[in-house]
N, C-alpha and C. Protein backbone atom coordinates (compact mmCIF):
# COMPACT_ATOMS: atom_id res chain seq x y z
N MET A 1 33.67 24.82 -69.56
CA MET A 1 33.66 23.44 -69.15
C MET A 1 34.35 23.27 -67.80
N ASN A 2 35.35 24.04 -67.56
CA ASN A 2 36.09 23.98 -66.32
C ASN A 2 35.18 24.36 -65.14
N ARG A 3 34.34 25.35 -65.33
CA ARG A 3 33.43 25.80 -64.28
C ARG A 3 32.39 24.71 -63.99
N ALA A 4 31.87 24.05 -65.00
CA ALA A 4 30.89 22.98 -64.82
C ALA A 4 31.51 21.81 -64.05
N THR A 5 32.76 21.52 -64.33
CA THR A 5 33.45 20.43 -63.63
C THR A 5 33.57 20.74 -62.15
N PHE A 6 33.96 21.96 -61.81
CA PHE A 6 34.09 22.35 -60.39
C PHE A 6 32.73 22.35 -59.70
N THR A 7 31.69 22.76 -60.39
CA THR A 7 30.35 22.75 -59.82
C THR A 7 29.91 21.32 -59.53
N LEU A 8 30.11 20.42 -60.48
CA LEU A 8 29.75 19.02 -60.27
C LEU A 8 30.60 18.38 -59.17
N LEU A 9 31.86 18.75 -59.12
CA LEU A 9 32.74 18.24 -58.06
C LEU A 9 32.27 18.72 -56.69
N ALA A 10 31.88 20.00 -56.60
CA ALA A 10 31.36 20.55 -55.34
C ALA A 10 30.07 19.85 -54.94
N LEU A 11 29.17 19.62 -55.88
CA LEU A 11 27.92 18.91 -55.59
C LEU A 11 28.20 17.47 -55.15
N LEU A 12 29.14 16.83 -55.78
CA LEU A 12 29.51 15.46 -55.39
C LEU A 12 30.07 15.44 -53.98
N LEU A 13 30.90 16.40 -53.65
CA LEU A 13 31.49 16.50 -52.31
C LEU A 13 30.40 16.73 -51.26
N ILE A 14 29.47 17.62 -51.56
CA ILE A 14 28.36 17.90 -50.63
C ILE A 14 27.51 16.66 -50.43
N CYS A 15 27.21 15.95 -51.51
CA CYS A 15 26.43 14.71 -51.41
C CYS A 15 27.17 13.66 -50.58
N ALA A 16 28.45 13.53 -50.79
CA ALA A 16 29.24 12.55 -50.04
C ALA A 16 29.26 12.89 -48.55
N LEU A 17 29.44 14.16 -48.23
CA LEU A 17 29.45 14.57 -46.81
C LEU A 17 28.09 14.38 -46.16
N SER A 18 27.02 14.66 -46.89
CA SER A 18 25.68 14.46 -46.33
C SER A 18 25.40 12.97 -46.13
N LEU A 19 25.92 12.13 -47.02
CA LEU A 19 25.77 10.69 -46.85
C LEU A 19 26.51 10.21 -45.61
N VAL A 20 27.70 10.69 -45.39
CA VAL A 20 28.48 10.31 -44.20
C VAL A 20 27.76 10.78 -42.94
N ALA A 21 27.23 11.99 -42.96
CA ALA A 21 26.51 12.52 -41.79
C ALA A 21 25.25 11.69 -41.52
N ALA A 22 24.54 11.30 -42.57
CA ALA A 22 23.32 10.49 -42.40
C ALA A 22 23.66 9.11 -41.83
N GLN A 23 24.75 8.52 -42.29
CA GLN A 23 25.16 7.23 -41.77
C GLN A 23 25.57 7.33 -40.30
N GLN A 24 26.23 8.41 -39.94
CA GLN A 24 26.62 8.61 -38.54
C GLN A 24 25.39 8.76 -37.65
N ARG A 25 24.40 9.53 -38.11
CA ARG A 25 23.15 9.67 -37.35
C ARG A 25 22.46 8.32 -37.20
N ALA A 26 22.45 7.54 -38.27
CA ALA A 26 21.82 6.22 -38.23
C ALA A 26 22.53 5.31 -37.22
N ARG A 27 23.85 5.37 -37.18
CA ARG A 27 24.60 4.56 -36.21
C ARG A 27 24.28 4.97 -34.77
N LYS A 28 24.22 6.28 -34.54
CA LYS A 28 23.90 6.77 -33.20
C LYS A 28 22.50 6.34 -32.79
N LEU A 29 21.56 6.44 -33.71
CA LEU A 29 20.19 6.01 -33.40
C LEU A 29 20.11 4.51 -33.15
N PHE A 30 20.89 3.73 -33.90
CA PHE A 30 20.91 2.29 -33.69
C PHE A 30 21.46 1.96 -32.31
N VAL A 31 22.54 2.63 -31.91
CA VAL A 31 23.13 2.39 -30.59
C VAL A 31 22.13 2.78 -29.50
N ALA A 32 21.46 3.91 -29.67
CA ALA A 32 20.48 4.35 -28.68
C ALA A 32 19.32 3.35 -28.60
N THR A 33 18.89 2.83 -29.74
CA THR A 33 17.82 1.84 -29.75
C THR A 33 18.24 0.57 -29.01
N GLU A 34 19.45 0.13 -29.24
CA GLU A 34 19.95 -1.06 -28.54
C GLU A 34 20.00 -0.84 -27.03
N GLN A 35 20.43 0.34 -26.61
CA GLN A 35 20.49 0.63 -25.18
C GLN A 35 19.10 0.63 -24.56
N VAL A 36 18.15 1.21 -25.26
CA VAL A 36 16.78 1.25 -24.74
C VAL A 36 16.19 -0.15 -24.69
N GLN A 37 16.47 -0.98 -25.69
CA GLN A 37 15.98 -2.35 -25.68
C GLN A 37 16.60 -3.17 -24.55
N ASN A 38 17.87 -2.94 -24.28
CA ASN A 38 18.52 -3.62 -23.14
C ASN A 38 17.88 -3.19 -21.83
N GLU A 39 17.61 -1.91 -21.69
CA GLU A 39 16.95 -1.40 -20.49
C GLU A 39 15.56 -1.99 -20.36
N GLU A 40 14.85 -2.12 -21.47
CA GLU A 40 13.51 -2.71 -21.44
C GLU A 40 13.57 -4.17 -20.99
N ARG A 41 14.54 -4.92 -21.50
CA ARG A 41 14.70 -6.32 -21.07
C ARG A 41 14.99 -6.41 -19.58
N ARG A 42 15.86 -5.53 -19.10
CA ARG A 42 16.20 -5.54 -17.67
C ARG A 42 14.99 -5.21 -16.82
N LEU A 43 14.21 -4.22 -17.24
CA LEU A 43 13.02 -3.84 -16.49
C LEU A 43 11.96 -4.95 -16.52
N ASN A 44 11.84 -5.64 -17.64
CA ASN A 44 10.90 -6.76 -17.72
C ASN A 44 11.31 -7.89 -16.78
N GLN A 45 12.62 -8.15 -16.70
CA GLN A 45 13.10 -9.17 -15.77
C GLN A 45 12.83 -8.77 -14.33
N ASP A 46 13.05 -7.50 -14.00
CA ASP A 46 12.76 -7.01 -12.65
C ASP A 46 11.27 -7.14 -12.35
N TRP A 47 10.44 -6.81 -13.33
CA TRP A 47 8.98 -6.88 -13.14
C TRP A 47 8.56 -8.33 -12.87
N LEU A 48 9.07 -9.26 -13.65
CA LEU A 48 8.73 -10.67 -13.44
C LEU A 48 9.21 -11.15 -12.08
N ARG A 49 10.39 -10.72 -11.68
CA ARG A 49 10.91 -11.11 -10.35
C ARG A 49 10.02 -10.56 -9.25
N LEU A 50 9.60 -9.30 -9.39
CA LEU A 50 8.74 -8.69 -8.37
C LEU A 50 7.36 -9.35 -8.32
N GLU A 51 6.81 -9.72 -9.48
CA GLU A 51 5.54 -10.44 -9.49
C GLU A 51 5.66 -11.78 -8.78
N TYR A 52 6.74 -12.50 -9.06
CA TYR A 52 6.99 -13.78 -8.40
C TYR A 52 7.10 -13.60 -6.89
N GLU A 53 7.85 -12.58 -6.50
CA GLU A 53 8.03 -12.31 -5.08
C GLU A 53 6.71 -11.93 -4.42
N GLN A 54 5.89 -11.15 -5.10
CA GLN A 54 4.59 -10.76 -4.56
C GLN A 54 3.69 -11.98 -4.39
N ARG A 55 3.70 -12.87 -5.37
CA ARG A 55 2.89 -14.09 -5.25
C ARG A 55 3.33 -14.92 -4.06
N ASN A 56 4.64 -15.02 -3.85
CA ASN A 56 5.13 -15.81 -2.72
C ASN A 56 4.78 -15.16 -1.39
N LEU A 57 4.87 -13.84 -1.33
CA LEU A 57 4.60 -13.15 -0.08
C LEU A 57 3.11 -13.13 0.26
N SER A 58 2.26 -13.26 -0.74
CA SER A 58 0.82 -13.18 -0.47
C SER A 58 0.18 -14.54 -0.28
N LYS A 59 0.95 -15.61 -0.29
CA LYS A 59 0.39 -16.94 -0.06
C LYS A 59 -0.12 -17.02 1.38
N SER A 60 -1.27 -17.68 1.54
CA SER A 60 -1.89 -17.75 2.87
C SER A 60 -1.02 -18.49 3.87
N SER A 61 -0.29 -19.51 3.42
CA SER A 61 0.57 -20.24 4.36
C SER A 61 1.69 -19.35 4.89
N ARG A 62 2.23 -18.51 4.03
CA ARG A 62 3.29 -17.60 4.48
C ARG A 62 2.72 -16.57 5.45
N ILE A 63 1.53 -16.08 5.17
CA ILE A 63 0.89 -15.11 6.07
C ILE A 63 0.63 -15.76 7.42
N ARG A 64 0.14 -17.01 7.40
CA ARG A 64 -0.15 -17.73 8.64
C ARG A 64 1.14 -17.96 9.44
N ASP A 65 2.21 -18.37 8.77
CA ASP A 65 3.48 -18.59 9.46
C ASP A 65 4.03 -17.30 10.05
N THR A 66 3.93 -16.21 9.31
CA THR A 66 4.40 -14.92 9.82
C THR A 66 3.58 -14.49 11.03
N ALA A 67 2.27 -14.68 10.97
CA ALA A 67 1.40 -14.30 12.10
C ALA A 67 1.75 -15.12 13.33
N ARG A 68 2.03 -16.41 13.16
CA ARG A 68 2.34 -17.25 14.32
C ARG A 68 3.74 -16.97 14.87
N ASN A 69 4.73 -16.86 13.99
CA ASN A 69 6.12 -16.76 14.45
C ASN A 69 6.52 -15.34 14.86
N GLN A 70 6.22 -14.36 14.05
CA GLN A 70 6.69 -13.01 14.34
C GLN A 70 5.72 -12.24 15.24
N LEU A 71 4.42 -12.44 15.03
CA LEU A 71 3.42 -11.70 15.81
C LEU A 71 2.89 -12.49 16.99
N HIS A 72 3.31 -13.75 17.12
CA HIS A 72 2.91 -14.64 18.21
C HIS A 72 1.39 -14.74 18.30
N MET A 73 0.74 -14.90 17.18
CA MET A 73 -0.71 -15.06 17.13
C MET A 73 -1.02 -16.55 17.07
N SER A 74 -2.19 -16.90 17.53
CA SER A 74 -2.62 -18.30 17.47
C SER A 74 -4.06 -18.34 16.97
N PRO A 75 -4.46 -19.49 16.43
CA PRO A 75 -5.83 -19.58 15.92
C PRO A 75 -6.86 -19.49 17.06
N ILE A 76 -8.05 -19.12 16.71
CA ILE A 76 -9.13 -19.00 17.70
C ILE A 76 -9.57 -20.40 18.12
N SER A 77 -9.75 -20.56 19.40
CA SER A 77 -10.28 -21.82 19.92
C SER A 77 -11.43 -21.49 20.87
N PRO A 78 -12.39 -22.39 20.99
CA PRO A 78 -13.54 -22.11 21.87
C PRO A 78 -13.14 -21.94 23.34
N GLU A 79 -12.05 -22.58 23.75
CA GLU A 79 -11.64 -22.47 25.16
C GLU A 79 -11.14 -21.05 25.48
N ARG A 80 -10.60 -20.37 24.50
CA ARG A 80 -10.03 -19.05 24.74
C ARG A 80 -11.02 -17.93 24.44
N THR A 81 -12.20 -18.28 23.98
CA THR A 81 -13.19 -17.27 23.60
C THR A 81 -13.93 -16.80 24.85
N LEU A 82 -14.02 -15.50 25.02
CA LEU A 82 -14.75 -14.91 26.15
C LEU A 82 -16.04 -14.32 25.61
N TYR A 83 -17.14 -14.70 26.25
CA TYR A 83 -18.43 -14.15 25.87
C TYR A 83 -18.86 -13.17 26.96
N ILE A 84 -19.21 -11.99 26.56
CA ILE A 84 -19.60 -10.95 27.50
C ILE A 84 -21.07 -10.68 27.28
N LYS A 85 -21.82 -10.75 28.38
CA LYS A 85 -23.24 -10.47 28.29
C LYS A 85 -23.46 -9.04 28.74
N GLU A 86 -24.32 -8.41 28.03
CA GLU A 86 -24.64 -7.03 28.36
C GLU A 86 -25.68 -7.02 29.47
N SER A 87 -25.39 -6.28 30.50
CA SER A 87 -26.36 -6.19 31.60
C SER A 87 -27.28 -5.01 31.34
N LYS A 88 -28.58 -5.25 31.60
CA LYS A 88 -29.57 -4.21 31.34
C LYS A 88 -30.04 -3.55 32.58
């Protein structure tokens, strides 16, 4: 009977240690999942910000203002148009 008691005690100890190890792994996986979800949220916010910025930069009024102010371009007018005739 003494031997059976020690065997059951050893099995109980092994089960308890495996339970603790499984809980520790679960905690680590939970923490890793939370970190990945936080990173996903941050990347989604960056993506939305970049889409917004792209929409603003691609607006025709912004392109027109940049062409006029930075590149010193002006719209075409008939007075400034030169017509060249080909001589034969």
